[in-house]
Amino acid sequence: MEDDMRDIYLEVTFRKGKAIAAYLYLPRDPEEKSQRTEKVGEGILVDYGKGDRPIGIEITAPRRVSLEAVNHILAKLEIRLVQEEELAPLAAAY
């Protein structure tokens, strides 16, 4: 991984104490923007940057998305799988 790239991290959006959306940032240049988005499952979209490289996973239905579903997508994208604690903010919001 290059020095200017970040590791995987989760950002959760809450409304009235409930998670309404989340974004799993994948390793990328912090300035990189999405070029296209692809729906890959119920409540899950993948954003792609330059060169059609995956840069993030949008979780639009946090209560319906499991660790297994996220890891299934990451495996298909050939990106390291996440651990349960990395998605813990989603579970804490239920």
PDB file of N, CA and C in Angstrom:
ATOM      1  N   MET A   1       0.848  -1.175   0.000  1.00  0.00           N
ATOM      2  CA  MET A   1       0.000   0.000   0.000  1.00  0.00           C
ATOM      3  C   MET A   1       0.894   1.239   0.000  1.00  0.00           C
ATOM      4  N   GLU A   2       0.563   2.215  -0.818  1.00  0.00           N
ATOM      5  CA  GLU A   2       1.329   3.447  -0.909  1.00  0.00           C
ATOM      6  C   GLU A   2       1.104   4.293   0.344  1.00  0.00           C
ATOM      7  N   ASP A   3       2.087   5.165   0.644  1.00  0.00           N
ATOM      8  CA  ASP A   3       2.007   5.994   1.838  1.00  0.00           C
ATOM      9  C   ASP A   3       0.814   6.942   1.839  1.00  0.00           C
ATOM     10  N   ASP A   4       0.384   7.402   0.656  1.00  0.00           N
ATOM     11  CA  ASP A   4      -0.701   8.373   0.615  1.00  0.00           C
ATOM     12  C   ASP A   4      -2.081   7.725   0.589  1.00  0.00           C
ATOM     13  N   MET A   5      -2.130   6.412   0.730  1.00  0.00           N
ATOM     14  CA  MET A   5      -3.416   5.711   0.711  1.00  0.00           C
ATOM     15  C   MET A   5      -3.819   5.347   2.131  1.00  0.00           C
ATOM     16  N   ARG A   6      -5.110   5.410   2.393  1.00  0.00           N
ATOM     17  CA  ARG A   6      -5.633   5.057   3.713  1.00  0.00           C
ATOM     18  C   ARG A   6      -6.088   3.613   3.727  1.00  0.00           C
ATOM     19  N   ASP A   7      -6.125   3.050   4.917  1.00  0.00           N
ATOM     20  CA  ASP A   7      -6.622   1.692   5.081  1.00  0.00           C
ATOM     21  C   ASP A   7      -8.157   1.732   5.106  1.00  0.00           C
ATOM     22  N   ILE A   8      -8.763   0.581   5.263  1.00  0.00           N
ATOM     23  CA  ILE A   8     -10.221   0.470   5.332  1.00  0.00           C
ATOM     24  C   ILE A   8     -10.727   1.086   6.638  1.00  0.00           C
ATOM     25  N   TYR A   9     -11.778   1.904   6.525  1.00  0.00           N
ATOM     26  CA  TYR A   9     -12.433   2.421   7.728  1.00  0.00           C
ATOM     27  C   TYR A   9     -13.892   2.716   7.436  1.00  0.00           C
ATOM     28  N   LEU A  10     -14.709   2.721   8.483  1.00  0.00           N
ATOM     29  CA  LEU A  10     -16.156   2.869   8.375  1.00  0.00           C
ATOM     30  C   LEU A  10     -16.601   4.233   8.891  1.00  0.00           C
ATOM     31  N   GLU A  11     -17.530   4.833   8.155  1.00  0.00           N
ATOM     32  CA  GLU A  11     -18.163   6.083   8.581  1.00  0.00           C
ATOM     33  C   GLU A  11     -19.670   5.820   8.598  1.00  0.00           C
ATOM     34  N   VAL A  12     -20.332   6.144   9.714  1.00  0.00           N
ATOM     35  CA  VAL A  12     -21.761   5.870   9.864  1.00  0.00           C
ATOM     36  C   VAL A  12     -22.516   7.183  10.024  1.00  0.00           C
ATOM     37  N   THR A  13     -23.661   7.289   9.347  1.00  0.00           N
ATOM     38  CA  THR A  13     -24.536   8.444   9.471  1.00  0.00           C
ATOM     39  C   THR A  13     -25.728   8.045  10.333  1.00  0.00           C
ATOM     40  N   PHE A  14     -25.980   8.828  11.375  1.00  0.00           N
ATOM     41  CA  PHE A  14     -27.066   8.546  12.307  1.00  0.00           C
ATOM     42  C   PHE A  14     -28.141   9.617  12.204  1.00  0.00           C
ATOM     43  N   ARG A  15     -29.370   9.221  12.445  1.00  0.00           N
ATOM     44  CA  ARG A  15     -30.480  10.157  12.588  1.00  0.00           C
ATOM     45  C   ARG A  15     -31.317   9.665  13.764  1.00  0.00           C
ATOM     46  N   LYS A  16     -31.522  10.541  14.728  1.00  0.00           N
ATOM     47  CA  LYS A  16     -32.278  10.205  15.932  1.00  0.00           C
ATOM     48  C   LYS A  16     -31.746   8.928  16.596  1.00  0.00           C
ATOM     49  N   GLY A  17     -30.423   8.794  16.645  1.00  0.00           N
ATOM     50  CA  GLY A  17     -29.781   7.668  17.304  1.00  0.00           C
ATOM     51  C   GLY A  17     -29.768   6.369  16.526  1.00  0.00           C
ATOM     52  N   LYS A  18     -30.258   6.384  15.294  1.00  0.00           N
ATOM     53  CA  LYS A  18     -30.287   5.159  14.480  1.00  0.00           C
ATOM     54  C   LYS A  18     -29.414   5.327  13.247  1.00  0.00           C
ATOM     55  N   ALA A  19     -28.668   4.263  12.933  1.00  0.00           N
ATOM     56  CA  ALA A  19     -27.835   4.282  11.730  1.00  0.00           C
ATOM     57  C   ALA A  19     -28.747   4.262  10.510  1.00  0.00           C
ATOM     58  N   ILE A  20     -28.584   5.250   9.643  1.00  0.00           N
ATOM     59  CA  ILE A  20     -29.410   5.292   8.428  1.00  0.00           C
ATOM     60  C   ILE A  20     -28.592   4.995   7.177  1.00  0.00           C
ATOM     61  N   ALA A  21     -27.272   5.097   7.286  1.00  0.00           N
ATOM     62  CA  ALA A  21     -26.388   4.805   6.161  1.00  0.00           C
ATOM     63  C   ALA A  21     -24.970   4.656   6.695  1.00  0.00           C
ATOM     64  N   ALA A  22     -24.135   4.013   5.889  1.00  0.00           N
ATOM     65  CA  ALA A  22     -22.730   3.875   6.262  1.00  0.00           C
ATOM     66  C   ALA A  22     -21.901   3.821   4.992  1.00  0.00           C
ATOM     67  N   TYR A  23     -20.630   4.131   5.143  1.00  0.00           N
ATOM     68  CA  TYR A  23     -19.711   4.082   4.007  1.00  0.00           C
ATOM     69  C   TYR A  23     -18.431   3.427   4.482  1.00  0.00           C
ATOM     70  N   LEU A  24     -18.063   2.347   3.822  1.00  0.00           N
ATOM     71  CA  LEU A  24     -16.826   1.641   4.129  1.00  0.00           C
ATOM     72  C   LEU A  24     -15.784   2.097   3.118  1.00  0.00           C
ATOM     73  N   TYR A  25     -14.878   2.939   3.584  1.00  0.00           N
ATOM     74  CA  TYR A  25     -13.822   3.450   2.720  1.00  0.00           C
ATOM     75  C   TYR A  25     -12.802   2.348   2.492  1.00  0.00           C
ATOM     76  N   LEU A  26     -12.433   2.141   1.243  1.00  0.00           N
ATOM     77  CA  LEU A  26     -11.431   1.151   0.879  1.00  0.00           C
ATOM     78  C   LEU A  26     -10.110   1.877   0.628  1.00  0.00           C
ATOM     79  N   PRO A  27      -8.985   1.143   0.642  1.00  0.00           N
ATOM     80  CA  PRO A  27      -7.698   1.808   0.415  1.00  0.00           C
ATOM     81  C   PRO A  27      -7.717   2.610  -0.886  1.00  0.00           C
ATOM     82  N   ARG A  28      -7.353   3.894  -0.762  1.00  0.00           N
ATOM     83  CA  ARG A  28      -7.358   4.793  -1.912  1.00  0.00           C
ATOM     84  C   ARG A  28      -6.671   6.088  -1.551  1.00  0.00           C
ATOM     85  N   ASP A  29      -6.413   6.876  -2.556  1.00  0.00           N
ATOM     86  CA  ASP A  29      -5.901   8.224  -2.348  1.00  0.00           C
ATOM     87  C   ASP A  29      -7.033   9.023  -1.708  1.00  0.00           C
ATOM     88  N   PRO A  30      -6.794   9.736  -0.627  1.00  0.00           N
ATOM     89  CA  PRO A  30      -7.866  10.483   0.056  1.00  0.00           C
ATOM     90  C   PRO A  30      -8.610  11.475  -0.841  1.00  0.00           C
ATOM     91  N   GLU A  31      -7.982  11.937  -1.893  1.00  0.00           N
ATOM     92  CA  GLU A  31      -8.610  12.898  -2.806  1.00  0.00           C
ATOM     93  C   GLU A  31      -9.395  12.228  -3.931  1.00  0.00           C
ATOM     94  N   GLU A  32      -9.298  10.910  -4.052  1.00  0.00           N
ATOM     95  CA  GLU A  32      -9.951  10.209  -5.161  1.00  0.00           C
ATOM     96  C   GLU A  32     -11.472  10.251  -5.026  1.00  0.00           C
ATOM     97  N   LYS A  33     -12.142  10.494  -6.125  1.00  0.00           N
ATOM     98  CA  LYS A  33     -13.600  10.591  -6.169  1.00  0.00           C
ATOM     99  C   LYS A  33     -14.185   9.439  -6.976  1.00  0.00           C
ATOM    100  N   SER A  34     -15.436   9.150  -6.722  1.00  0.00           N
ATOM    101  CA  SER A  34     -16.139   8.086  -7.430  1.00  0.00           C
ATOM    102  C   SER A  34     -16.391   8.472  -8.887  1.00  0.00           C
ATOM    103  N   GLN A  35     -16.130   7.536  -9.780  1.00  0.00           N
ATOM    104  CA  GLN A  35     -16.387   7.712 -11.210  1.00  0.00           C
ATOM    105  C   GLN A  35     -17.674   7.008 -11.627  1.00  0.00           C
ATOM    106  N   ARG A  36     -17.991   5.926 -10.894  1.00  0.00           N
ATOM    107  CA  ARG A  36     -19.225   5.192 -11.161  1.00  0.00           C
ATOM    108  C   ARG A  36     -19.602   4.387  -9.932  1.00  0.00           C
ATOM    109  N   THR A  37     -20.880   3.997  -9.860  1.00  0.00           N
ATOM    110  CA  THR A  37     -21.408   3.222  -8.741  1.00  0.00           C
ATOM    111  C   THR A  37     -22.174   2.032  -9.289  1.00  0.00           C
ATOM    112  N   GLU A  38     -21.994   0.882  -8.625  1.00  0.00           N
ATOM    113  CA  GLU A  38     -22.671  -0.342  -9.048  1.00  0.00           C
ATOM    114  C   GLU A  38     -23.403  -0.969  -7.857  1.00  0.00           C
ATOM    115  N   LYS A  39     -24.681  -1.289  -8.045  1.00  0.00           N
ATOM    116  CA  LYS A  39     -25.432  -1.983  -7.009  1.00  0.00           C
ATOM    117  C   LYS A  39     -24.986  -3.447  -7.029  1.00  0.00           C
ATOM    118  N   VAL A  40     -24.597  -3.956  -5.856  1.00  0.00           N
ATOM    119  CA  VAL A  40     -24.086  -5.326  -5.785  1.00  0.00           C
ATOM    120  C   VAL A  40     -24.884  -6.213  -4.843  1.00  0.00           C
ATOM    121  N   GLY A  41     -25.870  -5.650  -4.174  1.00  0.00           N
ATOM    122  CA  GLY A  41     -26.685  -6.428  -3.257  1.00  0.00           C
ATOM    123  C   GLY A  41     -27.746  -5.547  -2.630  1.00  0.00           C
ATOM    124  N   GLU A  42     -28.599  -6.154  -1.832  1.00  0.00           N
ATOM    125  CA  GLU A  42     -29.663  -5.422  -1.146  1.00  0.00           C
ATOM    126  C   GLU A  42     -29.042  -4.419  -0.181  1.00  0.00           C
ATOM    127  N   GLY A  43     -29.185  -3.138  -0.495  1.00  0.00           N
ATOM    128  CA  GLY A  43     -28.657  -2.090   0.369  1.00  0.00           C
ATOM    129  C   GLY A  43     -27.168  -1.882   0.283  1.00  0.00           C
ATOM    130  N   ILE A  44     -26.530  -2.407  -0.764  1.00  0.00           N
ATOM    131  CA  ILE A  44     -25.072  -2.286  -0.895  1.00  0.00           C
ATOM    132  C   ILE A  44     -24.707  -1.840  -2.313  1.00  0.00           C
ATOM    133  N   LEU A  45     -23.891  -0.788  -2.382  1.00  0.00           N
ATOM    134  CA  LEU A  45     -23.383  -0.287  -3.658  1.00  0.00           C
ATOM    135  C   LEU A  45     -21.869  -0.154  -3.546  1.00  0.00           C
ATOM    136  N   VAL A  46     -21.174  -0.356  -4.652  1.00  0.00           N
ATOM    137  CA  VAL A  46     -19.722  -0.190  -4.673  1.00  0.00           C
ATOM    138  C   VAL A  46     -19.396   1.009  -5.552  1.00  0.00           C
ATOM    139  N   ASP A  47     -18.573   1.899  -5.022  1.00  0.00           N
ATOM    140  CA  ASP A  47     -18.085   3.039  -5.787  1.00  0.00           C
ATOM    141  C   ASP A  47     -16.726   2.688  -6.381  1.00  0.00           C
ATOM    142  N   TYR A  48     -16.538   3.091  -7.633  1.00  0.00           N
ATOM    143  CA  TYR A  48     -15.286   2.840  -8.338  1.00  0.00           C
ATOM    144  C   TYR A  48     -14.651   4.171  -8.720  1.00  0.00           C
ATOM    145  N   GLY A  49     -13.335   4.226  -8.595  1.00  0.00           N
ATOM    146  CA  GLY A  49     -12.596   5.423  -8.955  1.00  0.00           C
ATOM    147  C   GLY A  49     -11.900   5.249 -10.291  1.00  0.00           C
ATOM    148  N   LYS A  50     -10.821   5.973 -10.443  1.00  0.00           N
ATOM    149  CA  LYS A  50     -10.034   5.906 -11.676  1.00  0.00           C
ATOM    150  C   LYS A  50      -9.592   4.475 -11.960  1.00  0.00           C
ATOM    151  N   GLY A  51      -9.602   4.115 -13.224  1.00  0.00           N
ATOM    152  CA  GLY A  51      -9.162   2.778 -13.604  1.00  0.00           C
ATOM    153  C   GLY A  51     -10.096   1.692 -13.134  1.00  0.00           C
ATOM    154  N   ASP A  52     -11.316   2.073 -12.797  1.00  0.00           N
ATOM    155  CA  ASP A  52     -12.332   1.119 -12.351  1.00  0.00           C
ATOM    156  C   ASP A  52     -11.913   0.365 -11.084  1.00  0.00           C
ATOM    157  N   ARG A  53     -11.162   1.050 -10.223  1.00  0.00           N
ATOM    158  CA  ARG A  53     -10.707   0.465  -8.960  1.00  0.00           C
ATOM    159  C   ARG A  53     -11.725   0.758  -7.874  1.00  0.00           C
ATOM    160  N   PRO A  54     -12.150  -0.265  -7.100  1.00  0.00           N
ATOM    161  CA  PRO A  54     -13.119  -0.028  -6.017  1.00  0.00           C
ATOM    162  C   PRO A  54     -12.520   0.866  -4.942  1.00  0.00           C
ATOM    163  N   ILE A  55     -13.290   1.910  -4.556  1.00  0.00           N
ATOM    164  CA  ILE A  55     -12.785   2.855  -3.542  1.00  0.00           C
ATOM    165  C   ILE A  55     -13.675   2.926  -2.305  1.00  0.00           C
ATOM    166  N   GLY A  56     -14.878   2.349  -2.378  1.00  0.00           N
ATOM    167  CA  GLY A  56     -15.748   2.397  -1.211  1.00  0.00           C
ATOM    168  C   GLY A  56     -17.012   1.587  -1.392  1.00  0.00           C
ATOM    169  N   ILE A  57     -17.598   1.215  -0.270  1.00  0.00           N
ATOM    170  CA  ILE A  57     -18.855   0.468  -0.273  1.00  0.00           C
ATOM    171  C   ILE A  57     -19.895   1.294   0.468  1.00  0.00           C
ATOM    172  N   GLU A  58     -20.968   1.647  -0.239  1.00  0.00           N
ATOM    173  CA  GLU A  58     -22.080   2.376   0.357  1.00  0.00           C
ATOM    174  C   GLU A  58     -23.053   1.360   0.948  1.00  0.00           C
ATOM    175  N   ILE A  59     -23.419   1.561   2.194  1.00  0.00           N
ATOM    176  CA  ILE A  59     -24.381   0.691   2.862  1.00  0.00           C
ATOM    177  C   ILE A  59     -25.612   1.550   3.124  1.00  0.00           C
ATOM    178  N   THR A  60     -26.630   1.349   2.298  1.00  0.00           N
ATOM    179  CA  THR A  60     -27.824   2.185   2.373  1.00  0.00           C
ATOM    180  C   THR A  60     -28.908   1.612   3.280  1.00  0.00           C
ATOM    181  N   ALA A  61     -28.740   0.366   3.686  1.00  0.00           N
ATOM    182  CA  ALA A  61     -29.688  -0.279   4.598  1.00  0.00           C
ATOM    183  C   ALA A  61     -28.887  -0.999   5.687  1.00  0.00           C
ATOM    184  N   PRO A  62     -28.290  -0.237   6.621  1.00  0.00           N
ATOM    185  CA  PRO A  62     -27.396  -0.827   7.618  1.00  0.00           C
ATOM    186  C   PRO A  62     -27.984  -1.981   8.418  1.00  0.00           C
ATOM    187  N   ARG A  63     -29.277  -1.949   8.694  1.00  0.00           N
ATOM    188  CA  ARG A  63     -29.888  -3.024   9.502  1.00  0.00           C
ATOM    189  C   ARG A  63     -29.999  -4.331   8.732  1.00  0.00           C
ATOM    190  N   ARG A  64     -29.925  -4.264   7.425  1.00  0.00           N
ATOM    191  CA  ARG A  64     -30.077  -5.463   6.595  1.00  0.00           C
ATOM    192  C   ARG A  64     -28.756  -6.037   6.101  1.00  0.00           C
ATOM    193  N   VAL A  65     -27.659  -5.344   6.373  1.00  0.00           N
ATOM    194  CA  VAL A  65     -26.364  -5.764   5.847  1.00  0.00           C
ATOM    195  C   VAL A  65     -25.552  -6.453   6.937  1.00  0.00           C
ATOM    196  N   SER A  66     -25.062  -7.634   6.617  1.00  0.00           N
ATOM    197  CA  SER A  66     -24.293  -8.421   7.587  1.00  0.00           C
ATOM    198  C   SER A  66     -22.797  -8.359   7.277  1.00  0.00           C
ATOM    199  N   LEU A  67     -22.013  -8.751   8.263  1.00  0.00           N
ATOM    200  CA  LEU A  67     -20.570  -8.872   8.099  1.00  0.00           C
ATOM    201  C   LEU A  67     -20.268  -9.828   6.948  1.00  0.00           C
ATOM    202  N   GLU A  68     -21.007 -10.910   6.877  1.00  0.00           N
ATOM    203  CA  GLU A  68     -20.794 -11.906   5.824  1.00  0.00           C
ATOM    204  C   GLU A  68     -21.049 -11.305   4.442  1.00  0.00           C
ATOM    205  N   ALA A  69     -22.078 -10.497   4.320  1.00  0.00           N
ATOM    206  CA  ALA A  69     -22.388  -9.870   3.027  1.00  0.00           C
ATOM    207  C   ALA A  69     -21.271  -8.923   2.603  1.00  0.00           C
ATOM    208  N   VAL A  70     -20.789  -8.122   3.535  1.00  0.00           N
ATOM    209  CA  VAL A  70     -19.708  -7.181   3.231  1.00  0.00           C
ATOM    210  C   VAL A  70     -18.450  -7.953   2.842  1.00  0.00           C
ATOM    211  N   ASN A  71     -18.106  -8.980   3.602  1.00  0.00           N
ATOM    212  CA  ASN A  71     -16.906  -9.754   3.305  1.00  0.00           C
ATOM    213  C   ASN A  71     -17.027 -10.523   1.992  1.00  0.00           C
ATOM    214  N   HIS A  72     -18.213 -10.939   1.643  1.00  0.00           N
ATOM    215  CA  HIS A  72     -18.427 -11.607   0.347  1.00  0.00           C
ATOM    216  C   HIS A  72     -18.073 -10.643  -0.795  1.00  0.00           C
ATOM    217  N   ILE A  73     -18.514  -9.405  -0.670  1.00  0.00           N
ATOM    218  CA  ILE A  73     -18.216  -8.395  -1.692  1.00  0.00           C
ATOM    219  C   ILE A  73     -16.721  -8.084  -1.710  1.00  0.00           C
ATOM    220  N   LEU A  74     -16.125  -7.915  -0.536  1.00  0.00           N
ATOM    221  CA  LEU A  74     -14.695  -7.630  -0.469  1.00  0.00           C
ATOM    222  C   LEU A  74     -13.881  -8.756  -1.102  1.00  0.00           C
ATOM    223  N   ALA A  75     -14.287  -9.998  -0.869  1.00  0.00           N
ATOM    224  CA  ALA A  75     -13.580 -11.136  -1.461  1.00  0.00           C
ATOM    225  C   ALA A  75     -13.652 -11.082  -2.988  1.00  0.00           C
ATOM    226  N   LYS A  76     -14.827 -10.759  -3.510  1.00  0.00           N
ATOM    227  CA  LYS A  76     -14.983 -10.647  -4.973  1.00  0.00           C
ATOM    228  C   LYS A  76     -14.113  -9.521  -5.536  1.00  0.00           C
ATOM    229  N   LEU A  77     -13.951  -8.455  -4.745  1.00  0.00           N
ATOM    230  CA  LEU A  77     -13.145  -7.314  -5.177  1.00  0.00           C
ATOM    231  C   LEU A  77     -11.653  -7.530  -4.925  1.00  0.00           C
ATOM    232  N   GLU A  78     -11.321  -8.663  -4.291  1.00  0.00           N
ATOM    233  CA  GLU A  78      -9.947  -9.014  -3.936  1.00  0.00           C
ATOM    234  C   GLU A  78      -9.318  -7.989  -2.988  1.00  0.00           C
ATOM    235  N   ILE A  79     -10.115  -7.619  -1.982  1.00  0.00           N
ATOM    236  CA  ILE A  79      -9.682  -6.694  -0.935  1.00  0.00           C
ATOM    237  C   ILE A  79      -9.783  -7.437   0.388  1.00  0.00           C
ATOM    238  N   ARG A  80      -8.896  -7.116   1.309  1.00  0.00           N
ATOM    239  CA  ARG A  80      -8.879  -7.844   2.583  1.00  0.00           C
ATOM    240  C   ARG A  80     -10.254  -7.785   3.251  1.00  0.00           C
ATOM    241  N   LEU A  81     -10.607  -8.867   3.926  1.00  0.00           N
ATOM    242  CA  LEU A  81     -11.880  -8.943   4.629  1.00  0.00           C
ATOM    243  C   LEU A  81     -11.819  -8.102   5.897  1.00  0.00           C
ATOM    244  N   VAL A  82     -12.980  -7.654   6.353  1.00  0.00           N
ATOM    245  CA  VAL A  82     -13.039  -6.877   7.591  1.00  0.00           C
ATOM    246  C   VAL A  82     -13.403  -7.794   8.753  1.00  0.00           C
ATOM    247  N   GLN A  83     -13.017  -7.372   9.927  1.00  0.00           N
ATOM    248  CA  GLN A  83     -13.326  -8.103  11.148  1.00  0.00           C
ATOM    249  C   GLN A  83     -14.614  -7.533  11.740  1.00  0.00           C
ATOM    250  N   GLU A  84     -15.251  -8.312  12.588  1.00  0.00           N
ATOM    251  CA  GLU A  84     -16.508  -7.902  13.213  1.00  0.00           C
ATOM    252  C   GLU A  84     -16.391  -6.543  13.907  1.00  0.00           C
ATOM    253  N   GLU A  85     -15.277  -6.316  14.592  1.00  0.00           N
ATOM    254  CA  GLU A  85     -15.100  -5.049  15.323  1.00  0.00           C
ATOM    255  C   GLU A  85     -15.013  -3.839  14.389  1.00  0.00           C
ATOM    256  N   GLU A  86     -14.638  -4.055  13.139  1.00  0.00           N
ATOM    257  CA  GLU A  86     -14.554  -2.945  12.198  1.00  0.00           C
ATOM    258  C   GLU A  86     -15.949  -2.455  11.779  1.00  0.00           C
ATOM    259  N   LEU A  87     -16.948  -3.327  11.874  1.00  0.00           N
ATOM    260  CA  LEU A  87     -18.329  -2.947  11.565  1.00  0.00           C
ATOM    261  C   LEU A  87     -19.178  -2.782  12.825  1.00  0.00           C
ATOM    262  N   ALA A  88     -18.536  -2.833  13.991  1.00  0.00           N
ATOM    263  CA  ALA A  88     -19.242  -2.735  15.269  1.00  0.00           C
ATOM    264  C   ALA A  88     -20.110  -1.492  15.407  1.00  0.00           C
ATOM    265  N   PRO A  89     -19.716  -0.336  14.876  1.00  0.00           N
ATOM    266  CA  PRO A  89     -20.620   0.832  15.003  1.00  0.00           C
ATOM    267  C   PRO A  89     -21.996   0.600  14.389  1.00  0.00           C
ATOM    268  N   LEU A  90     -22.099  -0.227  13.381  1.00  0.00           N
ATOM    269  CA  LEU A  90     -23.410  -0.537  12.803  1.00  0.00           C
ATOM    270  C   LEU A  90     -24.256  -1.346  13.783  1.00  0.00           C
ATOM    271  N   ALA A  91     -23.649  -2.360  14.372  1.00  0.00           N
ATOM    272  CA  ALA A  91     -24.378  -3.213  15.320  1.00  0.00           C
ATOM    273  C   ALA A  91     -24.779  -2.440  16.572  1.00  0.00           C
ATOM    274  N   ALA A  92     -23.942  -1.507  16.991  1.00  0.00           N
ATOM    275  CA  ALA A  92     -24.227  -0.735  18.198  1.00  0.00           C
ATOM    276  C   ALA A  92     -25.435   0.184  18.021  1.00  0.00           C
ATOM    277  N   ALA A  93     -25.760   0.485  16.793  1.00  0.00           N
ATOM    278  CA  ALA A  93     -26.854   1.420  16.529  1.00  0.00           C
ATOM    279  C   ALA A  93     -28.229   0.757  16.522  1.00  0.00           C
ATOM    280  N   TYR A  94     -28.281  -0.569  16.631  1.00  0.00           N
ATOM    281  CA  TYR A  94     -29.585  -1.260  16.552  1.00  0.00           C
ATOM    282  C   TYR A  94     -30.300  -1.216  17.878  1.00  0.00           C
TER     283      TYR A  94
END
